[in-house]
Protein backbone atom coordinates (compact mmCIF):
# COMPACT_ATOMS: atom_id res chain seq x y z
CA MET A 1 11.18 1.97 15.18
CA LEU A 2 8.47 3.77 13.30
CA THR A 3 5.31 4.88 15.06
CA PRO A 4 2.58 2.19 14.91
CA LEU A 5 -1.01 2.59 13.76
CA LEU A 6 -2.27 6.15 14.36
CA PHE A 7 -4.97 8.49 13.13
CA ILE A 8 -3.39 11.87 12.48
CA ASP A 9 -3.73 15.40 11.23
CA ARG A 10 -1.56 15.87 8.15
CA GLY A 11 -0.14 19.06 9.67
CA LEU A 12 1.81 16.90 12.12
CA LEU A 13 3.70 14.99 9.43
CA VAL A 14 6.67 17.37 9.30
CA LEU A 15 7.12 17.09 13.06
CA ILE A 16 6.81 13.30 12.93
CA ALA A 17 9.40 13.12 10.15
CA LEU A 18 11.85 15.14 12.26
CA VAL A 19 11.30 12.84 15.24
CA LEU A 20 11.82 9.77 13.09
CA ALA A 21 15.00 11.23 11.67
CA SER A 22 16.34 11.88 15.17
CA CYS A 23 15.62 8.27 16.09
CA ASN A 24 18.03 7.17 13.37
CA SER A 25 20.94 9.38 14.43
CA GLY A 26 23.78 8.98 16.91
CA SER A 27 24.99 5.42 17.38
CA ASP A 28 22.41 3.82 15.09
CA PRO A 29 23.68 1.99 11.97
CA PRO A 30 23.95 4.02 8.74
CA SER A 31 20.61 4.34 6.99
CA GLN A 32 19.09 5.73 3.82
CA GLN A 33 15.72 7.43 3.89
CA PHE A 34 13.23 7.77 1.03
CA ARG A 35 10.15 9.97 1.49
CA PHE A 36 7.32 10.64 -0.94
CA THR A 37 4.42 13.06 -0.43
CA PHE A 38 2.66 13.09 -3.84
CA ALA A 39 2.20 16.85 -3.68
CA ASP A 40 2.10 17.33 -7.45
CA ASP A 41 2.58 13.93 -9.12
CA LEU A 42 3.19 10.21 -8.49
CA GLU A 43 6.92 10.76 -7.80
CA GLY A 44 7.99 7.74 -9.82
CA TRP A 45 5.48 5.27 -8.37
CA THR A 46 3.48 3.05 -10.72
CA VAL A 47 0.29 1.13 -9.98
CA GLY A 48 -1.29 -2.18 -10.87
CA PHE A 49 -4.08 -4.65 -10.10
CA ALA A 50 -3.95 -8.41 -9.54
CA ASP A 51 -5.97 -11.37 -8.21
CA TYR A 52 -8.75 -11.00 -10.73
CA PRO A 53 -9.54 -12.57 -14.16
CA VAL A 54 -7.38 -12.37 -17.27
CA GLY A 55 -9.17 -11.41 -20.49
CA ALA A 56 -8.75 -13.52 -23.64
CA SER A 57 -8.23 -10.37 -25.70
CA GLU A 58 -7.43 -6.72 -25.15
CA ALA A 59 -11.10 -5.83 -25.58
CA GLU A 60 -12.20 -8.49 -23.10
CA GLN A 61 -9.58 -7.35 -20.60
CA GLN A 62 -10.84 -3.80 -20.89
CA ALA A 63 -14.38 -5.03 -20.27
CA ILE A 64 -13.21 -6.91 -17.15
CA ASP A 65 -11.31 -3.86 -15.91
CA ASP A 66 -14.40 -1.73 -16.45
CA PHE A 67 -16.55 -4.27 -14.57
CA TYR A 68 -14.12 -4.10 -11.64
CA GLU A 69 -14.23 -0.27 -11.88
CA LEU A 70 -10.43 -0.08 -11.74
CA ASP A 71 -9.07 3.44 -11.45
CA SER A 72 -5.82 5.06 -10.34
CA GLY A 73 -3.73 8.19 -10.63
CA HIS A 74 -2.68 11.39 -8.97
CA ALA A 75 -5.59 13.07 -7.19
CA ARG A 76 -6.46 15.72 -4.64
CA LEU A 77 -7.75 14.56 -1.28
CA PRO A 78 -11.54 14.50 -0.84
CA PRO A 79 -13.26 16.74 1.74
CA PRO A 80 -13.29 17.14 4.69
CA LEU A 81 -9.53 16.64 4.23
CA ASP A 82 -7.44 19.42 2.71
CA THR A 83 -8.41 19.26 -0.96
CA ALA A 84 -5.24 21.16 -1.89
CA ASP A 85 -3.11 18.18 -0.83
CA GLY A 86 -2.08 15.62 -3.42
CA ALA A 87 -2.23 11.84 -3.13
CA LEU A 88 -1.85 8.62 -5.08
CA MET A 89 -5.34 7.17 -5.53
CA LEU A 90 -6.33 3.55 -6.20
CA SER A 91 -9.89 2.29 -6.54
CA GLY A 92 -11.61 -0.95 -7.47
CA ASN A 93 -14.78 -3.00 -6.94
CA ASN A 94 -13.73 -6.37 -5.55
CA HIS A 95 -15.93 -8.79 -7.50
CA SER A 96 -13.27 -11.54 -7.18
CA ASP A 97 -13.26 -11.43 -3.34
CA ASP A 98 -9.46 -11.11 -3.55
CA LEU A 99 -8.56 -7.94 -5.46
CA PHE A 100 -5.00 -6.67 -4.91
CA MET A 101 -4.42 -3.00 -5.74
CA PHE A 102 -0.74 -2.14 -5.55
CA LEU A 103 1.85 0.55 -6.07
CA LYS A 104 5.58 0.09 -6.53
CA ARG A 105 8.74 2.11 -6.97
CA GLN A 106 12.39 1.28 -7.55
CA ILE A 107 14.88 2.87 -5.18
CA SER A 108 18.58 3.23 -6.00
CA GLY A 109 21.86 4.34 -4.50
CA LEU A 110 22.13 1.51 -1.97
CA ALA A 111 25.10 -0.81 -1.54
CA PRO A 112 25.07 -3.65 -4.11
CA GLU A 113 24.00 -7.13 -2.98
CA THR A 114 23.54 -5.96 0.59
CA THR A 115 20.81 -6.93 3.05
CA TYR A 116 19.02 -4.01 4.70
CA GLN A 117 16.42 -3.83 7.42
CA LEU A 118 13.38 -1.96 6.12
CA GLU A 119 11.31 0.42 8.21
CA LEU A 120 8.20 1.43 6.27
CA ARG A 121 5.49 3.96 7.05
CA ALA A 122 2.45 4.94 5.01
CA VAL A 123 -0.21 7.57 5.59
CA ILE A 124 -3.51 6.77 3.90
CA ALA A 125 -6.93 8.39 3.68
CA THR A 126 -9.79 6.01 4.47
CA ASN A 127 -13.58 6.39 4.56
CA ALA A 128 -14.37 2.94 6.06
CA PRO A 129 -15.67 3.09 9.65
CA SER A 130 -14.80 0.34 12.10
CA GLY A 131 -17.23 -2.47 12.89
CA CYS A 132 -19.28 -2.37 9.68
CA PHE A 133 -20.79 -5.41 7.98
CA GLY A 134 -19.85 -6.18 4.40
CA VAL A 135 -20.22 -9.01 1.90
CA GLY A 136 -17.11 -11.20 2.14
CA GLY A 137 -15.81 -9.08 5.00
CA PRO A 138 -16.04 -5.59 6.49
CA PRO A 139 -15.14 -2.63 4.26
CA GLY A 140 -12.53 -1.57 6.82
CA GLU A 141 -11.11 -4.55 8.68
CA GLY A 142 -11.64 -6.81 5.64
CA VAL A 143 -9.17 -4.79 3.55
CA SER A 144 -5.56 -5.42 4.58
CA VAL A 145 -2.88 -2.86 3.77
CA LYS A 146 0.46 -4.53 3.02
CA GLY A 147 3.97 -3.27 2.46
CA GLY A 148 7.44 -4.60 1.83
CA ALA A 149 10.35 -4.64 -0.56
CA THR A 150 11.85 -7.03 -3.09
CA THR A 151 14.97 -7.44 -5.18
CA ILE A 152 12.96 -8.07 -8.35
CA GLU A 153 10.29 -5.83 -9.79
CA PRO A 154 6.80 -6.80 -8.54
CA VAL A 155 4.57 -7.43 -11.56
CA ARG A 156 1.38 -9.32 -12.24
CA VAL A 157 1.55 -12.48 -14.36
CA ALA A 158 -1.14 -14.66 -15.92
CA ASP A 159 -1.71 -17.97 -14.14
CA ASP A 160 -4.18 -20.84 -14.62
CA THR A 161 -3.32 -22.94 -11.54
CA ALA A 162 -6.87 -22.58 -10.23
CA GLY A 163 -8.35 -23.82 -13.52
CA HIS A 164 -9.08 -20.37 -14.89
CA MET A 165 -6.76 -17.59 -15.96
CA GLN A 166 -6.05 -15.11 -13.20
CA TRP A 167 -3.64 -12.22 -12.75
CA ILE A 168 -1.39 -13.04 -9.81
CA MET A 169 1.76 -11.40 -8.43
CA ASN A 170 5.23 -12.72 -9.21
CA ILE A 171 6.29 -12.11 -5.61
CA ASN A 172 5.00 -13.61 -2.34
CA LYS A 173 2.65 -11.04 -0.80
CA GLY A 174 0.53 -13.55 1.12
CA ASP A 175 -3.25 -13.68 0.80
CA GLN A 176 -5.78 -11.21 2.18
CA SER A 177 -5.08 -10.79 5.94
CA ASN A 178 -1.96 -12.99 5.82
CA GLY A 179 1.39 -11.57 4.83
CA GLY A 180 4.05 -13.27 2.76
CA ARG A 181 7.80 -13.33 2.32
CA ASP A 182 7.88 -10.08 0.32
CA ALA A 183 5.08 -8.08 1.96
CA ARG A 184 3.79 -7.87 5.50
CA VAL A 185 0.43 -6.62 6.81
CA LEU A 186 0.77 -3.05 8.09
CA GLY A 187 -2.84 -2.80 9.23
CA ASN A 188 -6.28 -2.46 7.68
CA PHE A 189 -8.47 0.14 5.98
CA ALA A 190 -10.76 0.80 8.98
CA ASN A 191 -10.67 4.30 10.43
CA SER A 192 -11.44 5.60 13.93
CA LYS A 193 -15.17 6.20 13.35
CA ASP A 194 -17.76 3.68 14.49
CA CYS A 195 -20.11 2.27 11.86
CA SER A 196 -23.14 3.25 13.94
CA SER A 197 -22.28 6.91 13.32
CA SER A 198 -23.06 6.50 9.60
CA ASP A 199 -20.11 8.84 8.95
CA PHE A 200 -18.30 7.70 5.82
CA SER A 201 -16.12 10.77 5.40
CA TYR A 202 -12.38 10.36 4.86
CA GLU A 203 -9.75 10.69 7.55
CA LEU A 204 -6.01 10.11 7.65
CA LYS A 205 -4.47 7.00 9.15
CA MET A 206 -0.81 6.10 9.68
CA LEU A 207 0.38 2.52 9.25
CA SER A 208 3.83 1.04 9.76
CA LEU A 209 5.70 -2.24 9.77
CA ASP A 210 5.93 -3.88 13.18
CA PRO A 211 8.89 -5.96 14.43
CA PRO A 212 10.48 -8.38 13.72
CA ALA A 213 12.73 -6.71 11.16
CA PHE A 214 11.80 -6.90 7.48
CA ASP A 215 14.92 -7.71 5.44
CA VAL A 216 15.48 -6.91 1.78
CA THR A 217 18.61 -7.58 -0.29
CA THR A 218 19.60 -5.21 -3.09
CA ASP A 219 20.61 -6.38 -6.55
CA GLU A 220 24.06 -6.07 -8.14
CA ASN A 221 23.37 -2.38 -8.90
CA GLY A 222 22.29 -1.44 -5.38
CA ASP A 223 18.60 -1.25 -6.34
CA ALA A 224 15.45 -2.59 -4.69
CA TRP A 225 11.69 -2.25 -5.16
CA LEU A 226 9.26 -0.84 -2.60
CA LEU A 227 5.73 -2.27 -2.63
CA LEU A 228 2.46 -1.30 -0.97
CA GLY A 229 -1.06 -2.48 -1.65
CA THR A 230 -4.50 -3.45 -0.41
CA ASP A 231 -5.48 -7.13 -0.31
CA SER A 232 -9.26 -7.22 -0.05
CA GLY A 233 -11.83 -9.68 1.21
CA PHE A 234 -14.56 -7.02 1.10
CA GLU A 235 -16.72 -7.57 -1.99
CA GLY A 236 -17.38 -3.92 -2.70
CA THR A 237 -15.61 -0.74 -3.73
CA THR A 238 -12.48 0.48 -1.95
CA THR A 239 -10.97 3.86 -2.83
CA ILE A 240 -7.73 4.54 -1.00
CA TYR A 241 -5.50 7.62 -1.09
CA TYR A 242 -1.81 7.31 -0.19
CA THR A 243 -0.68 10.73 1.04
CA GLU A 244 2.82 9.90 2.26
CA ILE A 245 5.24 6.98 2.15
CA GLU A 246 8.53 6.81 4.01
CA ALA A 247 11.08 3.99 3.81
CA ILE A 248 14.22 3.78 5.92
CA LEU A 249 16.79 1.12 5.02
CA ILE A 250 19.34 0.30 7.71
CA ASP A 251 22.54 -1.52 6.76
């Protein structure tokens, strides 16, 4: 299985990848591995935001997005990390107490209509110390990082079940610290620093899916969708950098 929650130096990632590859050799079932490092671009990943209000017009939606300070794209890591390294960045101010910031990518070349066990690992950069106080929840522990995979493309859809129009996901990701059918909690945004240190600099953190196995079934073309995201109860700004994602699908 993939290594659980760790704080790491990015220089160790190549060695870790080789160890993980060796763990899936020999008598293990056939597997397919997908690895993304965001060195120069987003490598086919797209981003989105959900669990916040829908605007009545394009102009109103833009005003809401601006109020939530939504931002995303390819970026270089902030200091004291290696600023030459690329990452996928997502940022937002969680005024709704439930903001979901996600990234997704279709993977292909798998067997059609086949159920695979997914092993998923993500390396993130986080500046949220452990044990801090925050409105709605801590800026570290109150922000859950989730990951999973689905047969259908994860997209946001407008919904008025709660009596007001909200963007929600069309897949079951769970809510805040609870996972769902299509996404499980990998960990949270807190890093290894203590809040009393007043050190809000970024450091790298590795997260991975824990047992039991996470199953995903491919469509008739042998495709599936990978999904990662932050589900936040912290009513403030979270800026996360994804520096590496690795998915192993075992038939």
